C-alpha atoms as a PDB file:
ATOM      1  CA  MET A   1       0.000   0.000   0.000  1.00  0.00           C
ATOM      2  CA  ASN A   2       1.411   3.375  -0.980  1.00  0.00           C
ATOM      3  CA  GLU A   3       1.684   6.025   1.714  1.00  0.00           C
ATOM      4  CA  PRO A   4       0.690   9.582   0.828  1.00  0.00           C
ATOM      5  CA  THR A   5       3.578  11.902   0.123  1.00  0.00           C
ATOM      6  CA  ILE A   6       3.856  15.499   1.179  1.00  0.00           C
ATOM      7  CA  ARG A   7       4.531  17.747  -1.783  1.00  0.00           C
ATOM      8  CA  GLN A   8       6.942  20.651  -1.245  1.00  0.00           C
ATOM      9  CA  ASP A   9       6.787  23.233  -4.074  1.00  0.00           C
ATOM     10  CA  SER A  10       7.137  20.559  -6.731  1.00  0.00           C
ATOM     11  CA  ASP A  11       7.247  21.380 -10.407  1.00  0.00           C
ATOM     12  CA  ASP A  12       3.942  19.584 -11.043  1.00  0.00           C
ATOM     13  CA  GLU A  13       2.093  21.789  -8.525  1.00  0.00           C
ATOM     14  CA  SER A  14       0.179  24.525 -10.321  1.00  0.00           C
ATOM     15  CA  HIS A  15       0.323  28.136  -9.189  1.00  0.00           C
ATOM     16  CA  LYS A  16      -3.262  27.908  -7.955  1.00  0.00           C
ATOM     17  CA  GLU A  17      -2.541  24.698  -6.022  1.00  0.00           C
ATOM     18  CA  ARG A  18       0.532  26.284  -4.449  1.00  0.00           C
ATOM     19  CA  VAL A  19      -1.396  29.382  -3.339  1.00  0.00           C
ATOM     20  CA  ASN A  20      -4.195  27.209  -1.919  1.00  0.00           C
ATOM     21  CA  ARG A  21      -1.687  25.030  -0.028  1.00  0.00           C
ATOM     22  CA  GLU A  22       0.271  28.014   1.298  1.00  0.00           C
ATOM     23  CA  LEU A  23      -2.889  29.748   2.507  1.00  0.00           C
ATOM     24  CA  ALA A  24      -4.099  26.578   4.247  1.00  0.00           C
ATOM     25  CA  GLU A  25      -0.675  26.146   5.908  1.00  0.00           C
ATOM     26  CA  LEU A  26      -0.613  29.778   7.031  1.00  0.00           C
ATOM     27  CA  LEU A  27      -4.133  29.669   8.464  1.00  0.00           C
ATOM     28  CA  GLN A  28      -3.303  26.449  10.333  1.00  0.00           C
ATOM     29  CA  GLY A  29      -0.201  28.068  11.837  1.00  0.00           C
ATOM     30  CA  LEU A  30      -2.207  31.097  12.903  1.00  0.00           C
ATOM     31  CA  ARG A  31      -4.788  28.838  14.578  1.00  0.00           C
ATOM     32  CA  VAL A  32      -2.031  27.497  16.820  1.00  0.00           C
ATOM     33  CA  ALA A  33      -0.742  30.989  17.660  1.00  0.00           C
ATOM     34  CA  VAL A  34      -4.184  32.462  18.306  1.00  0.00           C
ATOM     35  CA  THR A  35      -4.959  29.821  20.917  1.00  0.00           C
ATOM     36  CA  GLY A  36      -1.890  30.739  22.943  1.00  0.00           C
ATOM     37  CA  VAL A  37      -2.416  34.473  22.717  1.00  0.00           C
ATOM     38  CA  GLN A  38      -6.077  34.160  23.654  1.00  0.00           C
ATOM     39  CA  VAL A  39      -5.221  32.170  26.787  1.00  0.00           C
ATOM     40  CA  LEU A  40      -2.758  34.909  27.779  1.00  0.00           C
ATOM     41  CA  PHE A  41      -5.284  37.625  26.917  1.00  0.00           C
ATOM     42  CA  ALA A  42      -8.033  35.945  28.962  1.00  0.00           C
ATOM     43  CA  PHE A  43      -5.690  35.656  31.930  1.00  0.00           C
ATOM     44  CA  LEU A  44      -4.741  39.329  31.634  1.00  0.00           C
ATOM     45  CA  LEU A  45      -8.409  40.354  31.533  1.00  0.00           C
ATOM     46  CA  THR A  46      -8.903  38.795  34.977  1.00  0.00           C
ATOM     47  CA  VAL A  47      -5.812  40.298  36.651  1.00  0.00           C
ATOM     48  CA  PRO A  48      -7.293  43.686  37.666  1.00  0.00           C
ATOM     49  CA  PHE A  49     -10.094  41.889  39.491  1.00  0.00           C
ATOM     50  CA  ALA A  50      -7.720  39.821  41.632  1.00  0.00           C
ATOM     51  CA  ALA A  51      -7.528  40.735  45.314  1.00  0.00           C
ATOM     52  CA  GLY A  52      -3.824  41.605  45.226  1.00  0.00           C
ATOM     53  CA  PHE A  53      -3.921  43.873  42.166  1.00  0.00           C
ATOM     54  CA  PRO A  54      -4.292  47.109  44.187  1.00  0.00           C
ATOM     55  CA  LYS A  55      -0.880  46.334  45.721  1.00  0.00           C
ATOM     56  CA  VAL A  56       0.829  46.376  42.286  1.00  0.00           C
ATOM     57  CA  ASP A  57       3.069  49.436  41.927  1.00  0.00           C
ATOM     58  CA  LEU A  58       3.164  51.872  39.008  1.00  0.00           C
ATOM     59  CA  VAL A  59       5.820  49.875  37.119  1.00  0.00           C
ATOM     60  CA  GLY A  60       3.726  46.728  37.498  1.00  0.00           C
ATOM     61  CA  ARG A  61       0.611  48.514  36.282  1.00  0.00           C
ATOM     62  CA  TRP A  62       2.447  49.741  33.191  1.00  0.00           C
ATOM     63  CA  LEU A  63       3.767  46.229  32.530  1.00  0.00           C
ATOM     64  CA  PHE A  64       0.211  44.920  32.874  1.00  0.00           C
ATOM     65  CA  PHE A  65      -1.178  47.553  30.493  1.00  0.00           C
ATOM     66  CA  ILE A  66       1.560  46.939  27.899  1.00  0.00           C
ATOM     67  CA  SER A  67       0.967  43.190  28.092  1.00  0.00           C
ATOM     68  CA  LEU A  68      -2.806  43.577  27.834  1.00  0.00           C
ATOM     69  CA  MET A  69      -2.630  45.863  24.799  1.00  0.00           C
ATOM     70  CA  ALA A  70       0.026  43.756  23.065  1.00  0.00           C
ATOM     71  CA  ALA A  71      -2.057  40.597  23.610  1.00  0.00           C
ATOM     72  CA  ALA A  72      -5.108  42.384  22.202  1.00  0.00           C
ATOM     73  CA  PHE A  73      -3.204  43.534  19.107  1.00  0.00           C
ATOM     74  CA  ALA A  74      -1.664  40.064  18.669  1.00  0.00           C
ATOM     75  CA  SER A  75      -5.178  38.590  18.770  1.00  0.00           C
ATOM     76  CA  VAL A  76      -6.364  41.081  16.171  1.00  0.00           C
ATOM     77  CA  CYS A  77      -3.431  40.285  13.873  1.00  0.00           C
ATOM     78  CA  PHE A  78      -3.793  36.509  14.238  1.00  0.00           C
ATOM     79  CA  ILE A  79      -7.588  36.516  13.747  1.00  0.00           C
ATOM     80  CA  ALA A  80      -7.637  39.018  10.851  1.00  0.00           C
ATOM     81  CA  PRO A  81      -6.580  36.537   8.119  1.00  0.00           C
ATOM     82  CA  ALA A  82      -9.433  34.147   8.970  1.00  0.00           C
ATOM     83  CA  ALA A  83     -11.956  37.006   9.039  1.00  0.00           C
ATOM     84  CA  GLN A  84     -10.597  38.397   5.763  1.00  0.00           C
ATOM     85  CA  HIS A  85     -10.708  34.938   4.202  1.00  0.00           C
ATOM     86  CA  ARG A  86     -14.429  34.744   4.993  1.00  0.00           C
ATOM     87  CA  LEU A  87     -15.077  38.216   3.545  1.00  0.00           C
ATOM     88  CA  LEU A  88     -12.951  37.692   0.433  1.00  0.00           C
ATOM     89  CA  PHE A  89     -14.013  34.101  -0.250  1.00  0.00           C
ATOM     90  CA  ARG A  90     -14.227  33.421  -4.006  1.00  0.00           C
ATOM     91  CA  THR A  91     -13.206  36.928  -5.030  1.00  0.00           C
ATOM     92  CA  GLY A  92      -9.967  35.956  -6.785  1.00  0.00           C
ATOM     93  CA  LEU A  93      -7.878  37.791  -4.183  1.00  0.00           C
ATOM     94  CA  LYS A  94      -6.431  34.694  -2.523  1.00  0.00           C
ATOM     95  CA  GLU A  95      -2.794  35.437  -3.421  1.00  0.00           C
ATOM     96  CA  ARG A  96      -3.046  39.008  -2.138  1.00  0.00           C
ATOM     97  CA  MET A  97      -4.767  37.731   0.992  1.00  0.00           C
ATOM     98  CA  LEU A  98      -1.894  35.262   1.486  1.00  0.00           C
ATOM     99  CA  ARG A  99       0.741  38.023   1.345  1.00  0.00           C
ATOM    100  CA  GLU A 100      -1.234  40.246   3.729  1.00  0.00           C
ATOM    101  CA  ALA A 101      -1.899  37.344   6.115  1.00  0.00           C
ATOM    102  CA  ASN A 102       1.819  36.628   6.235  1.00  0.00           C
ATOM    103  CA  VAL A 103       2.539  40.241   7.233  1.00  0.00           C
ATOM    104  CA  LEU A 104      -0.220  40.077   9.858  1.00  0.00           C
ATOM    105  CA  GLY A 105       1.243  36.842  11.205  1.00  0.00           C
ATOM    106  CA  VAL A 106       4.666  38.455  11.647  1.00  0.00           C
ATOM    107  CA  ALA A 107       3.094  41.535  13.283  1.00  0.00           C
ATOM    108  CA  GLY A 108       1.091  39.252  15.562  1.00  0.00           C
ATOM    109  CA  ALA A 109       4.268  37.431  16.566  1.00  0.00           C
ATOM    110  CA  VAL A 110       5.920  40.746  17.460  1.00  0.00           C
ATOM    111  CA  PHE A 111       2.920  41.762  19.579  1.00  0.00           C
ATOM    112  CA  LEU A 112       2.858  38.321  21.202  1.00  0.00           C
ATOM    113  CA  ALA A 113       6.560  38.614  22.076  1.00  0.00           C
ATOM    114  CA  VAL A 114       5.865  41.998  23.705  1.00  0.00           C
ATOM    115  CA  ALA A 115       2.850  40.590  25.582  1.00  0.00           C
ATOM    116  CA  MET A 116       4.749  37.571  26.870  1.00  0.00           C
ATOM    117  CA  THR A 117       7.784  39.634  27.829  1.00  0.00           C
ATOM    118  CA  SER A 118       5.795  42.219  29.759  1.00  0.00           C
ATOM    119  CA  ALA A 119       3.594  39.551  31.400  1.00  0.00           C
ATOM    120  CA  VAL A 120       6.669  37.651  32.618  1.00  0.00           C
ATOM    121  CA  ALA A 121       8.229  40.910  33.801  1.00  0.00           C
ATOM    122  CA  LEU A 122       5.007  41.828  35.646  1.00  0.00           C
ATOM    123  CA  VAL A 123       4.775  38.516  37.467  1.00  0.00           C
ATOM    124  CA  THR A 124       8.489  38.576  38.275  1.00  0.00           C
ATOM    125  CA  GLU A 125       8.259  42.180  39.512  1.00  0.00           C
ATOM    126  CA  VAL A 126       5.388  41.297  41.838  1.00  0.00           C
ATOM    127  CA  VAL A 127       6.784  37.974  43.059  1.00  0.00           C
ATOM    128  CA  ILE A 128      10.516  38.674  43.291  1.00  0.00           C
ATOM    129  CA  ASN A 129      11.875  42.152  42.531  1.00  0.00           C
ATOM    130  CA  SER A 130      12.236  44.853  39.887  1.00  0.00           C
ATOM    131  CA  TRP A 131      15.754  44.112  38.626  1.00  0.00           C
ATOM    132  CA  GLN A 132      14.932  40.417  38.231  1.00  0.00           C
ATOM    133  CA  ALA A 133      11.839  41.423  36.254  1.00  0.00           C
ATOM    134  CA  ALA A 134      14.091  43.150  33.741  1.00  0.00           C
ATOM    135  CA  LEU A 135      16.377  40.115  33.618  1.00  0.00           C
ATOM    136  CA  PHE A 136      13.608  37.553  33.042  1.00  0.00           C
ATOM    137  CA  GLY A 137      11.770  39.857  30.636  1.00  0.00           C
ATOM    138  CA  ALA A 138      14.991  40.212  28.651  1.00  0.00           C
ATOM    139  CA  ALA A 139      15.381  36.414  28.582  1.00  0.00           C
ATOM    140  CA  VAL A 140      11.886  36.027  27.095  1.00  0.00           C
ATOM    141  CA  VAL A 141      12.334  38.747  24.494  1.00  0.00           C
ATOM    142  CA  LEU A 142      15.736  37.345  23.493  1.00  0.00           C
ATOM    143  CA  ALA A 143      14.309  33.828  23.135  1.00  0.00           C
ATOM    144  CA  CYS A 144      11.391  35.111  21.033  1.00  0.00           C
ATOM    145  CA  GLY A 145      13.671  37.295  18.952  1.00  0.00           C
ATOM    146  CA  TRP A 146      16.142  34.494  18.246  1.00  0.00           C
ATOM    147  CA  LEU A 147      13.708  31.618  17.659  1.00  0.00           C
ATOM    148  CA  TRP A 148      10.929  33.505  15.895  1.00  0.00           C
ATOM    149  CA  PHE A 149      12.866  36.061  13.853  1.00  0.00           C
ATOM    150  CA  VAL A 150      16.678  35.889  13.761  1.00  0.00           C
ATOM    151  CA  GLN A 151      17.082  32.136  13.251  1.00  0.00           C
ATOM    152  CA  PRO A 152      14.532  31.919  10.388  1.00  0.00           C
ATOM    153  CA  LEU A 153      15.989  35.025   8.734  1.00  0.00           C
ATOM    154  CA  LEU A 154      19.498  33.550   9.007  1.00  0.00           C
ATOM    155  CA  SER A 155      18.220  30.367   7.352  1.00  0.00           C
ATOM    156  CA  LEU A 156      16.684  32.432   4.561  1.00  0.00           C
ATOM    157  CA  TYR A 157      19.912  34.402   4.136  1.00  0.00           C
ATOM    158  CA  ARG A 158      21.975  31.212   3.988  1.00  0.00           C
ATOM    159  CA  GLN A 159      19.634  29.625   1.465  1.00  0.00           C
ATOM    160  CA  ARG A 160      19.760  32.683  -0.792  1.00  0.00           C
ATOM    161  CA  ASN A 161      23.562  32.655  -0.647  1.00  0.00           C
ATOM    162  CA  GLY A 162      23.726  28.987  -1.594  1.00  0.00           C
ATOM    163  CA  GLU A 163      24.891  27.624   1.760  1.00  0.00           C
ATOM    164  CA  ARG A 164      23.967  24.059   2.625  1.00  0.00           C
ATOM    165  CA  PRO A 165      21.516  23.508   5.499  1.00  0.00           C
ATOM    166  CA  ARG A 166      23.121  22.561   8.826  1.00  0.00           C
END
């Protein structure tokens, strides 16, 4: 029995098939990201109603507000391609929608990195201390920056310059 094969930009894939596949892959990736950001966003929406929130200092309140707004904007960016897909269904704009959804996905990742960084800094600032909040926040932003942006861009750069994959 033959097992199905996964096609990767093969020569026998038509332009329309490639666009359809790429859009489906992008929307699936965004579904994963939106779940995480919505859990964070829901948590942040409950924080001001917690008994200890009045004890949070001005720095903590700013970290909370930055995290809340970044999570909201990340949600907007991650949900927008699905909403646009519904509005633009069968209009012939699928390729344009794919390019715009990719930009929204990158913007959403930036907002999510900000939300996660400020949320970690907020919790650290409340639980431990201010200077540790900066340290752990920096660790999160560096991890996001490296894994989500720098490493993929380095791979792209290497591929374009003909280097072999490591």
